[in-house]
């Protein structure tokens, strides 16, 4: 009987939060029996904030999903539409 991999998704939306999650991401990726899935959202996908999804890719992580939540404006209406 082969063991099933447990999928663990890490969701990141800001550069600061990604920095805090890096050790967790590395631990999941290095553990047998776990399959890391990286979901990128929020500011990572906006050029206005540096398009930091490129930093995640440069670190060698595969992006499993990109979830756009903002059109780039920083107002309550745009945030509500994003949800």
N, C-alpha and C. Protein backbone atom coordinates (compact mmCIF):
# COMPACT_ATOMS: atom_id res chain seq x y z
N UNK A 1 0.85 -1.18 0.00
CA UNK A 1 0.00 0.00 0.00
C UNK A 1 0.90 1.24 0.00
N UNK A 2 0.66 2.13 -0.95
CA UNK A 2 1.47 3.35 -1.00
C UNK A 2 0.82 4.44 -0.16
N UNK A 3 1.66 5.20 0.51
CA UNK A 3 1.16 6.28 1.36
C UNK A 3 0.74 7.46 0.49
N UNK A 4 -0.38 8.05 0.84
CA UNK A 4 -0.84 9.25 0.12
C UNK A 4 -0.12 10.48 0.66
N UNK A 5 0.21 11.36 -0.25
CA UNK A 5 0.80 12.63 0.15
C UNK A 5 -0.28 13.54 0.72
N UNK A 6 0.04 14.20 1.80
CA UNK A 6 -0.86 15.22 2.34
C UNK A 6 -0.47 16.54 1.71
N UNK A 7 -1.44 17.20 1.12
CA UNK A 7 -1.19 18.49 0.50
C UNK A 7 -1.37 19.60 1.52
N UNK A 8 -0.38 20.45 1.60
CA UNK A 8 -0.42 21.60 2.50
C UNK A 8 -0.30 22.85 1.64
N UNK A 9 -1.31 23.70 1.70
CA UNK A 9 -1.29 24.95 0.93
C UNK A 9 -0.84 26.09 1.85
N UNK A 10 0.09 26.86 1.35
CA UNK A 10 0.54 28.07 2.04
C UNK A 10 0.05 29.25 1.20
N UNK A 11 -0.73 30.12 1.83
CA UNK A 11 -1.28 31.29 1.14
C UNK A 11 -0.53 32.52 1.62
N UNK A 12 -0.02 33.30 0.67
CA UNK A 12 0.72 34.51 1.02
C UNK A 12 0.22 35.69 0.19
N UNK A 13 0.09 36.83 0.84
CA UNK A 13 -0.44 38.00 0.16
C UNK A 13 0.44 39.24 0.22
N UNK A 14 1.46 39.23 1.11
CA UNK A 14 2.34 40.40 1.22
C UNK A 14 3.79 39.95 1.35
N UNK A 15 4.70 40.85 1.00
CA UNK A 15 6.13 40.55 1.10
C UNK A 15 6.52 40.29 2.55
N UNK A 16 6.01 41.09 3.48
CA UNK A 16 6.36 40.92 4.89
C UNK A 16 5.91 39.56 5.41
N UNK A 17 4.70 39.19 5.06
CA UNK A 17 4.17 37.90 5.50
C UNK A 17 4.93 36.74 4.87
N UNK A 18 5.31 36.90 3.60
CA UNK A 18 6.09 35.86 2.93
C UNK A 18 7.42 35.63 3.65
N UNK A 19 8.04 36.70 4.08
CA UNK A 19 9.29 36.57 4.84
C UNK A 19 9.11 35.74 6.10
N UNK A 20 8.00 35.93 6.77
CA UNK A 20 7.71 35.16 7.98
C UNK A 20 7.39 33.70 7.66
N UNK A 21 6.83 33.45 6.49
CA UNK A 21 6.43 32.09 6.11
C UNK A 21 7.56 31.27 5.50
N UNK A 22 8.68 31.88 5.15
CA UNK A 22 9.73 31.16 4.43
C UNK A 22 10.21 29.90 5.15
N UNK A 23 10.43 29.98 6.44
CA UNK A 23 10.91 28.78 7.15
C UNK A 23 9.84 27.69 7.18
N UNK A 24 8.59 28.09 7.26
CA UNK A 24 7.49 27.12 7.23
C UNK A 24 7.40 26.46 5.86
N UNK A 25 7.53 27.26 4.81
CA UNK A 25 7.50 26.74 3.44
C UNK A 25 8.63 25.73 3.25
N UNK A 26 9.82 26.08 3.70
CA UNK A 26 10.97 25.18 3.56
C UNK A 26 10.76 23.89 4.34
N UNK A 27 10.18 23.99 5.53
CA UNK A 27 9.94 22.79 6.35
C UNK A 27 8.94 21.85 5.68
N UNK A 28 7.88 22.42 5.13
CA UNK A 28 6.88 21.59 4.44
C UNK A 28 7.50 20.94 3.21
N UNK A 29 8.24 21.72 2.44
CA UNK A 29 8.85 21.20 1.21
C UNK A 29 9.85 20.09 1.50
N UNK A 30 10.50 20.15 2.64
CA UNK A 30 11.52 19.17 2.98
C UNK A 30 11.04 17.95 3.73
N UNK A 31 9.76 17.90 3.97
CA UNK A 31 9.21 16.79 4.78
C UNK A 31 8.60 15.72 3.90
N UNK A 32 9.00 14.50 4.12
CA UNK A 32 8.41 13.37 3.40
C UNK A 32 6.94 13.24 3.72
N UNK A 33 6.17 12.87 2.73
CA UNK A 33 4.74 12.66 2.94
C UNK A 33 3.90 13.91 2.78
N UNK A 34 4.57 15.07 2.60
CA UNK A 34 3.84 16.32 2.41
C UNK A 34 4.13 16.88 1.02
N UNK A 35 3.10 17.46 0.43
CA UNK A 35 3.26 18.13 -0.87
C UNK A 35 2.89 19.59 -0.67
N UNK A 36 3.85 20.46 -0.88
CA UNK A 36 3.65 21.90 -0.72
C UNK A 36 2.91 22.47 -1.92
N UNK A 37 1.93 23.32 -1.64
CA UNK A 37 1.26 24.09 -2.67
C UNK A 37 1.32 25.55 -2.24
N UNK A 38 1.81 26.40 -3.14
CA UNK A 38 1.94 27.83 -2.83
C UNK A 38 0.86 28.60 -3.58
N UNK A 39 0.06 29.34 -2.82
CA UNK A 39 -1.00 30.18 -3.37
C UNK A 39 -0.61 31.63 -3.11
N UNK A 40 -0.57 32.41 -4.19
CA UNK A 40 -0.15 33.81 -4.10
C UNK A 40 -1.34 34.71 -4.40
N UNK A 41 -1.48 35.76 -3.61
CA UNK A 41 -2.62 36.66 -3.75
C UNK A 41 -2.21 38.07 -3.33
N UNK A 42 -3.18 38.95 -3.30
CA UNK A 42 -2.99 40.29 -2.75
C UNK A 42 -1.91 41.11 -3.42
N UNK A 43 -1.10 41.75 -2.59
CA UNK A 43 -0.08 42.69 -3.07
C UNK A 43 0.98 42.03 -3.94
N UNK A 44 1.24 40.74 -3.75
CA UNK A 44 2.24 40.05 -4.57
C UNK A 44 1.96 40.20 -6.07
N UNK A 45 0.71 40.33 -6.44
CA UNK A 45 0.32 40.33 -7.84
C UNK A 45 0.18 41.72 -8.44
N UNK A 46 0.43 42.74 -7.64
CA UNK A 46 0.25 44.12 -8.10
C UNK A 46 1.58 44.81 -8.38
N UNK A 47 1.72 45.35 -9.58
CA UNK A 47 2.94 46.08 -9.95
C UNK A 47 3.17 47.28 -9.02
N UNK A 48 2.08 47.88 -8.58
CA UNK A 48 2.15 49.05 -7.68
C UNK A 48 2.96 48.72 -6.42
N UNK A 49 2.93 47.48 -6.00
CA UNK A 49 3.62 47.05 -4.78
C UNK A 49 4.85 46.19 -5.10
N UNK A 50 5.36 46.29 -6.33
CA UNK A 50 6.60 45.62 -6.68
C UNK A 50 6.47 44.26 -7.34
N UNK A 51 5.24 43.81 -7.58
CA UNK A 51 5.00 42.50 -8.23
C UNK A 51 5.91 41.44 -7.60
N UNK A 52 5.81 41.30 -6.28
CA UNK A 52 6.71 40.45 -5.51
C UNK A 52 6.50 38.95 -5.74
N UNK A 53 5.52 38.60 -6.56
CA UNK A 53 5.40 37.20 -6.97
C UNK A 53 6.70 36.77 -7.66
N UNK A 54 7.37 37.71 -8.30
CA UNK A 54 8.65 37.41 -8.96
C UNK A 54 9.72 37.00 -7.94
N UNK A 55 9.68 37.57 -6.75
CA UNK A 55 10.63 37.19 -5.69
C UNK A 55 10.41 35.75 -5.25
N UNK A 56 9.16 35.35 -5.16
CA UNK A 56 8.83 33.98 -4.75
C UNK A 56 9.34 33.00 -5.80
N UNK A 57 9.12 33.33 -7.06
CA UNK A 57 9.63 32.49 -8.15
C UNK A 57 11.16 32.45 -8.14
N UNK A 58 11.79 33.59 -7.88
CA UNK A 58 13.26 33.66 -7.84
C UNK A 58 13.82 32.81 -6.70
N UNK A 59 13.04 32.65 -5.63
CA UNK A 59 13.46 31.80 -4.52
C UNK A 59 13.34 30.31 -4.86
N UNK A 60 12.76 30.02 -6.02
CA UNK A 60 12.69 28.63 -6.48
C UNK A 60 11.38 27.92 -6.20
N UNK A 61 10.37 28.64 -5.75
CA UNK A 61 9.09 28.01 -5.45
C UNK A 61 8.17 28.03 -6.66
N UNK A 62 7.44 26.96 -6.84
CA UNK A 62 6.43 26.90 -7.90
C UNK A 62 5.15 27.52 -7.35
N UNK A 63 4.52 28.34 -8.15
CA UNK A 63 3.25 28.95 -7.76
C UNK A 63 2.13 28.04 -8.27
N UNK A 64 1.35 27.49 -7.35
CA UNK A 64 0.27 26.58 -7.73
C UNK A 64 -1.00 27.32 -8.09
N UNK A 65 -1.19 28.50 -7.51
CA UNK A 65 -2.39 29.29 -7.84
C UNK A 65 -2.11 30.76 -7.57
N UNK A 66 -2.72 31.60 -8.41
CA UNK A 66 -2.67 33.05 -8.24
C UNK A 66 -4.12 33.51 -8.11
N UNK A 67 -4.43 34.19 -7.03
CA UNK A 67 -5.79 34.64 -6.78
C UNK A 67 -5.78 36.17 -6.72
N UNK A 68 -6.30 36.79 -7.78
CA UNK A 68 -6.38 38.26 -7.81
C UNK A 68 -7.51 38.71 -6.90
N UNK A 69 -7.20 39.67 -6.05
CA UNK A 69 -8.21 40.17 -5.12
C UNK A 69 -8.39 41.67 -5.20
N UNK A 70 -7.50 42.35 -5.90
CA UNK A 70 -7.57 43.80 -5.98
C UNK A 70 -7.26 44.24 -7.40
N UNK A 71 -7.87 45.33 -7.79
CA UNK A 71 -7.61 45.88 -9.12
C UNK A 71 -6.46 46.88 -9.09
N UNK A 72 -5.93 47.16 -7.91
CA UNK A 72 -4.80 48.07 -7.82
C UNK A 72 -5.10 49.36 -7.10
N UNK A 73 -6.37 49.64 -6.89
CA UNK A 73 -6.71 50.86 -6.15
C UNK A 73 -6.77 50.50 -4.66
N UNK A 74 -6.49 51.45 -3.84
CA UNK A 74 -6.47 51.22 -2.40
C UNK A 74 -7.65 51.93 -1.76
N UNK A 75 -8.84 51.46 -2.08
CA UNK A 75 -10.03 52.05 -1.49
C UNK A 75 -11.00 50.94 -1.08
N UNK A 76 -11.94 51.23 -0.18
CA UNK A 76 -12.85 50.20 0.32
C UNK A 76 -13.68 49.52 -0.78
N UNK A 77 -14.09 50.27 -1.79
CA UNK A 77 -14.89 49.68 -2.87
C UNK A 77 -14.10 48.62 -3.61
N UNK A 78 -12.87 48.94 -3.96
CA UNK A 78 -12.02 47.98 -4.67
C UNK A 78 -11.77 46.74 -3.82
N UNK A 79 -11.55 46.93 -2.55
CA UNK A 79 -11.32 45.79 -1.66
C UNK A 79 -12.56 44.92 -1.56
N UNK A 80 -13.74 45.53 -1.50
CA UNK A 80 -14.98 44.76 -1.43
C UNK A 80 -15.21 43.98 -2.71
N UNK A 81 -14.94 44.59 -3.85
CA UNK A 81 -15.09 43.90 -5.14
C UNK A 81 -14.13 42.73 -5.21
N UNK A 82 -12.93 42.89 -4.67
CA UNK A 82 -11.94 41.82 -4.68
C UNK A 82 -12.37 40.60 -3.90
N UNK A 83 -13.15 40.81 -2.87
CA UNK A 83 -13.62 39.68 -2.07
C UNK A 83 -14.75 38.99 -2.78
